[in-house]
Structure formats: structure tokens, C-alpha cells
């Protein structure tokens, strides 16, 4: 598995609660949900490198 880089993220409590509910609905951890959303945003903005097949 690829190396993970830990970092501190501060956010509004309402945003945190909404993300936690969304993660629970999708059966993901909050960290996993944030990473999923960031990956989607990167792909939508065409700023993500596609893995070579």
C-alpha cells in the first residue's frame, strides 16, 4: 500500500458534522470520505494523474 501522509485539518463544526453523516451513510470512515471527495474533485478538475495500466 502507498505511504500515507498525516496532517491536521481544521474545519467548521457544521461541515465536520455533515461530512461525518455522509461518511456514515456511505459506510466509510470520516478520513476515507474526505480522501474520496478530494480524489473526485481532483479528477473533475483534471488535476489527478491516472494510474498507468
PDB file of N, CA and C in Angstrom:
ATOM      1  N   UNK A   1       0.836  -1.179   0.000  1.00  0.00           N
ATOM      2  CA  UNK A   1       0.000   0.000   0.000  1.00  0.00           C
ATOM      3  C   UNK A   1       0.881   1.243   0.000  1.00  0.00           C
ATOM      4  N   UNK A   2       0.415   2.294  -0.643  1.00  0.00           N
ATOM      5  CA  UNK A   2       1.177   3.533  -0.741  1.00  0.00           C
ATOM      6  C   UNK A   2       1.326   4.190   0.627  1.00  0.00           C
ATOM      7  N   UNK A   3       2.398   4.938   0.768  1.00  0.00           N
ATOM      8  CA  UNK A   3       2.648   5.659   2.010  1.00  0.00           C
ATOM      9  C   UNK A   3       1.577   6.728   2.215  1.00  0.00           C
ATOM     10  N   UNK A   4       1.146   6.910   3.425  1.00  0.00           N
ATOM     11  CA  UNK A   4       0.146   7.925   3.774  1.00  0.00           C
ATOM     12  C   UNK A   4       0.842   9.075   4.487  1.00  0.00           C
ATOM     13  N   UNK A   5       0.390  10.295   4.207  1.00  0.00           N
ATOM     14  CA  UNK A   5       0.948  11.496   4.826  1.00  0.00           C
ATOM     15  C   UNK A   5      -0.069  12.068   5.815  1.00  0.00           C
ATOM     16  N   UNK A   6       0.196  12.009   7.108  1.00  0.00           N
ATOM     17  CA  UNK A   6      -0.739  12.570   8.075  1.00  0.00           C
ATOM     18  C   UNK A   6      -0.636  14.102   8.110  1.00  0.00           C
ATOM     19  N   UNK A   7      -1.781  14.756   8.371  1.00  0.00           N
ATOM     20  CA  UNK A   7      -1.773  16.198   8.566  1.00  0.00           C
ATOM     21  C   UNK A   7      -3.020  16.605   9.341  1.00  0.00           C
ATOM     22  N   UNK A   8      -2.943  17.757   9.974  1.00  0.00           N
ATOM     23  CA  UNK A   8      -4.049  18.279  10.768  1.00  0.00           C
ATOM     24  C   UNK A   8      -4.969  19.101   9.878  1.00  0.00           C
ATOM     25  N   UNK A   9      -6.261  18.883  10.009  1.00  0.00           N
ATOM     26  CA  UNK A   9      -7.243  19.631   9.225  1.00  0.00           C
ATOM     27  C   UNK A   9      -8.228  20.278  10.181  1.00  0.00           C
ATOM     28  N   UNK A  10      -8.329  21.584  10.131  1.00  0.00           N
ATOM     29  CA  UNK A  10      -9.302  22.302  10.948  1.00  0.00           C
ATOM     30  C   UNK A  10     -10.479  22.666  10.063  1.00  0.00           C
ATOM     31  N   UNK A  11     -11.699  22.461  10.592  1.00  0.00           N
ATOM     32  CA  UNK A  11     -12.874  22.804   9.809  1.00  0.00           C
ATOM     33  C   UNK A  11     -14.006  23.238  10.722  1.00  0.00           C
ATOM     34  N   UNK A  12     -14.963  23.902  10.119  1.00  0.00           N
ATOM     35  CA  UNK A  12     -16.156  24.353  10.814  1.00  0.00           C
ATOM     36  C   UNK A  12     -16.885  23.139  11.391  1.00  0.00           C
ATOM     37  N   UNK A  13     -17.387  23.234  12.612  1.00  0.00           N
ATOM     38  CA  UNK A  13     -18.086  22.092  13.218  1.00  0.00           C
ATOM     39  C   UNK A  13     -19.295  21.612  12.413  1.00  0.00           C
ATOM     40  N   UNK A  14     -20.001  22.508  11.746  1.00  0.00           N
ATOM     41  CA  UNK A  14     -21.148  22.100  10.933  1.00  0.00           C
ATOM     42  C   UNK A  14     -20.703  21.308   9.701  1.00  0.00           C
ATOM     43  N   UNK A  15     -19.590  21.715   9.094  1.00  0.00           N
ATOM     44  CA  UNK A  15     -19.037  20.975   7.955  1.00  0.00           C
ATOM     45  C   UNK A  15     -18.579  19.601   8.431  1.00  0.00           C
ATOM     46  N   UNK A  16     -17.927  19.563   9.579  1.00  0.00           N
ATOM     47  CA  UNK A  16     -17.464  18.298  10.145  1.00  0.00           C
ATOM     48  C   UNK A  16     -18.637  17.349  10.363  1.00  0.00           C
ATOM     49  N   UNK A  17     -19.701  17.854  10.960  1.00  0.00           N
ATOM     50  CA  UNK A  17     -20.865  17.008  11.249  1.00  0.00           C
ATOM     51  C   UNK A  17     -21.520  16.503   9.958  1.00  0.00           C
ATOM     52  N   UNK A  18     -21.625  17.371   8.959  1.00  0.00           N
ATOM     53  CA  UNK A  18     -22.223  16.963   7.680  1.00  0.00           C
ATOM     54  C   UNK A  18     -21.369  15.904   6.996  1.00  0.00           C
ATOM     55  N   UNK A  19     -20.051  16.073   7.026  1.00  0.00           N
ATOM     56  CA  UNK A  19     -19.158  15.072   6.429  1.00  0.00           C
ATOM     57  C   UNK A  19     -19.238  13.748   7.175  1.00  0.00           C
ATOM     58  N   UNK A  20     -19.350  13.813   8.499  1.00  0.00           N
ATOM     59  CA  UNK A  20     -19.449  12.582   9.289  1.00  0.00           C
ATOM     60  C   UNK A  20     -20.739  11.829   8.969  1.00  0.00           C
ATOM     61  N   UNK A  21     -21.846  12.540   8.828  1.00  0.00           N
ATOM     62  CA  UNK A  21     -23.112  11.893   8.456  1.00  0.00           C
ATOM     63  C   UNK A  21     -22.999  11.252   7.071  1.00  0.00           C
ATOM     64  N   UNK A  22     -22.385  11.972   6.132  1.00  0.00           N
ATOM     65  CA  UNK A  22     -22.212  11.460   4.771  1.00  0.00           C
ATOM     66  C   UNK A  22     -21.340  10.203   4.786  1.00  0.00           C
ATOM     67  N   UNK A  23     -20.253  10.260   5.540  1.00  0.00           N
ATOM     68  CA  UNK A  23     -19.364   9.100   5.650  1.00  0.00           C
ATOM     69  C   UNK A  23     -20.119   7.910   6.245  1.00  0.00           C
ATOM     70  N   UNK A  24     -20.908   8.154   7.267  1.00  0.00           N
ATOM     71  CA  UNK A  24     -21.686   7.076   7.877  1.00  0.00           C
ATOM     72  C   UNK A  24     -22.654   6.467   6.863  1.00  0.00           C
ATOM     73  N   UNK A  25     -23.308   7.323   6.069  1.00  0.00           N
ATOM     74  CA  UNK A  25     -24.247   6.835   5.052  1.00  0.00           C
ATOM     75  C   UNK A  25     -23.554   5.967   4.008  1.00  0.00           C
ATOM     76  N   UNK A  26     -22.309   6.318   3.672  1.00  0.00           N
ATOM     77  CA  UNK A  26     -21.545   5.593   2.654  1.00  0.00           C
ATOM     78  C   UNK A  26     -20.689   4.464   3.242  1.00  0.00           C
ATOM     79  N   UNK A  27     -20.838   4.234   4.551  1.00  0.00           N
ATOM     80  CA  UNK A  27     -20.087   3.193   5.258  1.00  0.00           C
ATOM     81  C   UNK A  27     -18.570   3.390   5.110  1.00  0.00           C
ATOM     82  N   UNK A  28     -18.137   4.640   5.229  1.00  0.00           N
ATOM     83  CA  UNK A  28     -16.714   4.979   5.192  1.00  0.00           C
ATOM     84  C   UNK A  28     -16.338   5.665   6.498  1.00  0.00           C
ATOM     85  N   UNK A  29     -15.047   5.663   6.791  1.00  0.00           N
ATOM     86  CA  UNK A  29     -14.549   6.487   7.891  1.00  0.00           C
ATOM     87  C   UNK A  29     -14.583   7.940   7.428  1.00  0.00           C
ATOM     88  N   UNK A  30     -14.530   8.847   8.374  1.00  0.00           N
ATOM     89  CA  UNK A  30     -14.502  10.264   8.005  1.00  0.00           C
ATOM     90  C   UNK A  30     -13.268  10.559   7.160  1.00  0.00           C
ATOM     91  N   UNK A  31     -12.128  10.011   7.553  1.00  0.00           N
ATOM     92  CA  UNK A  31     -10.902  10.209   6.787  1.00  0.00           C
ATOM     93  C   UNK A  31     -11.047   9.656   5.369  1.00  0.00           C
ATOM     94  N   UNK A  32     -11.623   8.461   5.260  1.00  0.00           N
ATOM     95  CA  UNK A  32     -11.837   7.855   3.945  1.00  0.00           C
ATOM     96  C   UNK A  32     -12.772   8.681   3.080  1.00  0.00           C
ATOM     97  N   UNK A  33     -13.802   9.252   3.690  1.00  0.00           N
ATOM     98  CA  UNK A  33     -14.752  10.078   2.946  1.00  0.00           C
ATOM     99  C   UNK A  33     -14.085  11.350   2.427  1.00  0.00           C
ATOM    100  N   UNK A  34     -13.297  11.993   3.269  1.00  0.00           N
ATOM    101  CA  UNK A  34     -12.595  13.212   2.846  1.00  0.00           C
ATOM    102  C   UNK A  34     -11.640  12.892   1.704  1.00  0.00           C
ATOM    103  N   UNK A  35     -10.905  11.786   1.813  1.00  0.00           N
ATOM    104  CA  UNK A  35      -9.985  11.406   0.744  1.00  0.00           C
ATOM    105  C   UNK A  35     -10.742  11.090  -0.549  1.00  0.00           C
ATOM    106  N   UNK A  36     -11.872  10.389  -0.442  1.00  0.00           N
ATOM    107  CA  UNK A  36     -12.708  10.081  -1.602  1.00  0.00           C
ATOM    108  C   UNK A  36     -13.173  11.370  -2.285  1.00  0.00           C
ATOM    109  N   UNK A  37     -13.657  12.316  -1.508  1.00  0.00           N
ATOM    110  CA  UNK A  37     -14.153  13.578  -2.072  1.00  0.00           C
ATOM    111  C   UNK A  37     -13.033  14.391  -2.715  1.00  0.00           C
ATOM    112  N   UNK A  38     -11.863  14.382  -2.089  1.00  0.00           N
ATOM    113  CA  UNK A  38     -10.725  15.099  -2.675  1.00  0.00           C
ATOM    114  C   UNK A  38     -10.287  14.455  -3.992  1.00  0.00           C
ATOM    115  N   UNK A  39     -10.283  13.122  -4.040  1.00  0.00           N
ATOM    116  CA  UNK A  39      -9.928  12.434  -5.295  1.00  0.00           C
ATOM    117  C   UNK A  39     -10.934  12.757  -6.401  1.00  0.00           C
ATOM    118  N   UNK A  40     -12.228  12.760  -6.054  1.00  0.00           N
ATOM    119  CA  UNK A  40     -13.261  13.118  -7.039  1.00  0.00           C
ATOM    120  C   UNK A  40     -13.060  14.539  -7.547  1.00  0.00           C
ATOM    121  N   UNK A  41     -12.780  15.463  -6.643  1.00  0.00           N
ATOM    122  CA  UNK A  41     -12.565  16.858  -7.031  1.00  0.00           C
ATOM    123  C   UNK A  41     -11.340  16.990  -7.932  1.00  0.00           C
ATOM    124  N   UNK A  42     -10.278  16.255  -7.628  1.00  0.00           N
ATOM    125  CA  UNK A  42      -9.072  16.294  -8.462  1.00  0.00           C
ATOM    126  C   UNK A  42      -9.356  15.752  -9.860  1.00  0.00           C
ATOM    127  N   UNK A  43     -10.102  14.671  -9.939  1.00  0.00           N
ATOM    128  CA  UNK A  43     -10.441  14.108 -11.248  1.00  0.00           C
ATOM    129  C   UNK A  43     -11.328  15.066 -12.043  1.00  0.00           C
ATOM    130  N   UNK A  44     -12.323  15.670 -11.382  1.00  0.00           N
ATOM    131  CA  UNK A  44     -13.220  16.608 -12.058  1.00  0.00           C
ATOM    132  C   UNK A  44     -12.456  17.818 -12.592  1.00  0.00           C
ATOM    133  N   UNK A  45     -11.440  18.257 -11.858  1.00  0.00           N
ATOM    134  CA  UNK A  45     -10.637  19.412 -12.267  1.00  0.00           C
ATOM    135  C   UNK A  45      -9.503  19.019 -13.208  1.00  0.00           C
ATOM    136  N   UNK A  46      -9.428  17.719 -13.537  1.00  0.00           N
ATOM    137  CA  UNK A  46      -8.373  17.186 -14.400  1.00  0.00           C
ATOM    138  C   UNK A  46      -6.974  17.503 -13.847  1.00  0.00           C
ATOM    139  N   UNK A  47      -6.846  17.349 -12.538  1.00  0.00           N
ATOM    140  CA  UNK A  47      -5.573  17.594 -11.863  1.00  0.00           C
ATOM    141  C   UNK A  47      -5.021  16.320 -11.233  1.00  0.00           C
ATOM    142  N   UNK A  48      -5.653  15.207 -11.556  1.00  0.00           N
ATOM    143  CA  UNK A  48      -5.228  13.931 -10.985  1.00  0.00           C
ATOM    144  C   UNK A  48      -4.508  13.126 -12.058  1.00  0.00           C
ATOM    145  N   UNK A  49      -3.410  12.522 -11.661  1.00  0.00           N
ATOM    146  CA  UNK A  49      -2.717  11.626 -12.591  1.00  0.00           C
ATOM    147  C   UNK A  49      -3.437  10.307 -12.574  1.00  0.00           C
ATOM    148  N   UNK A  50      -3.772   9.794 -13.725  1.00  0.00           N
ATOM    149  CA  UNK A  50      -4.412   8.497 -13.837  1.00  0.00           C
ATOM    150  C   UNK A  50      -3.359   7.422 -13.669  1.00  0.00           C
ATOM    151  N   UNK A  51      -3.661   6.378 -12.895  1.00  0.00           N
ATOM    152  CA  UNK A  51      -2.686   5.274 -12.765  1.00  0.00           C
ATOM    153  C   UNK A  51      -2.487   4.589 -14.112  1.00  0.00           C
ATOM    154  N   UNK A  52      -1.224   4.271 -14.427  1.00  0.00           N
ATOM    155  CA  UNK A  52      -0.918   3.597 -15.682  1.00  0.00           C
ATOM    156  C   UNK A  52      -1.339   2.144 -15.580  1.00  0.00           C
ATOM    157  N   UNK A  53      -1.934   1.619 -16.642  1.00  0.00           N
ATOM    158  CA  UNK A  53      -2.401   0.225 -16.663  1.00  0.00           C
ATOM    159  C   UNK A  53      -1.392  -0.661 -17.349  1.00  0.00           C
TER     160      UNK A  53
END
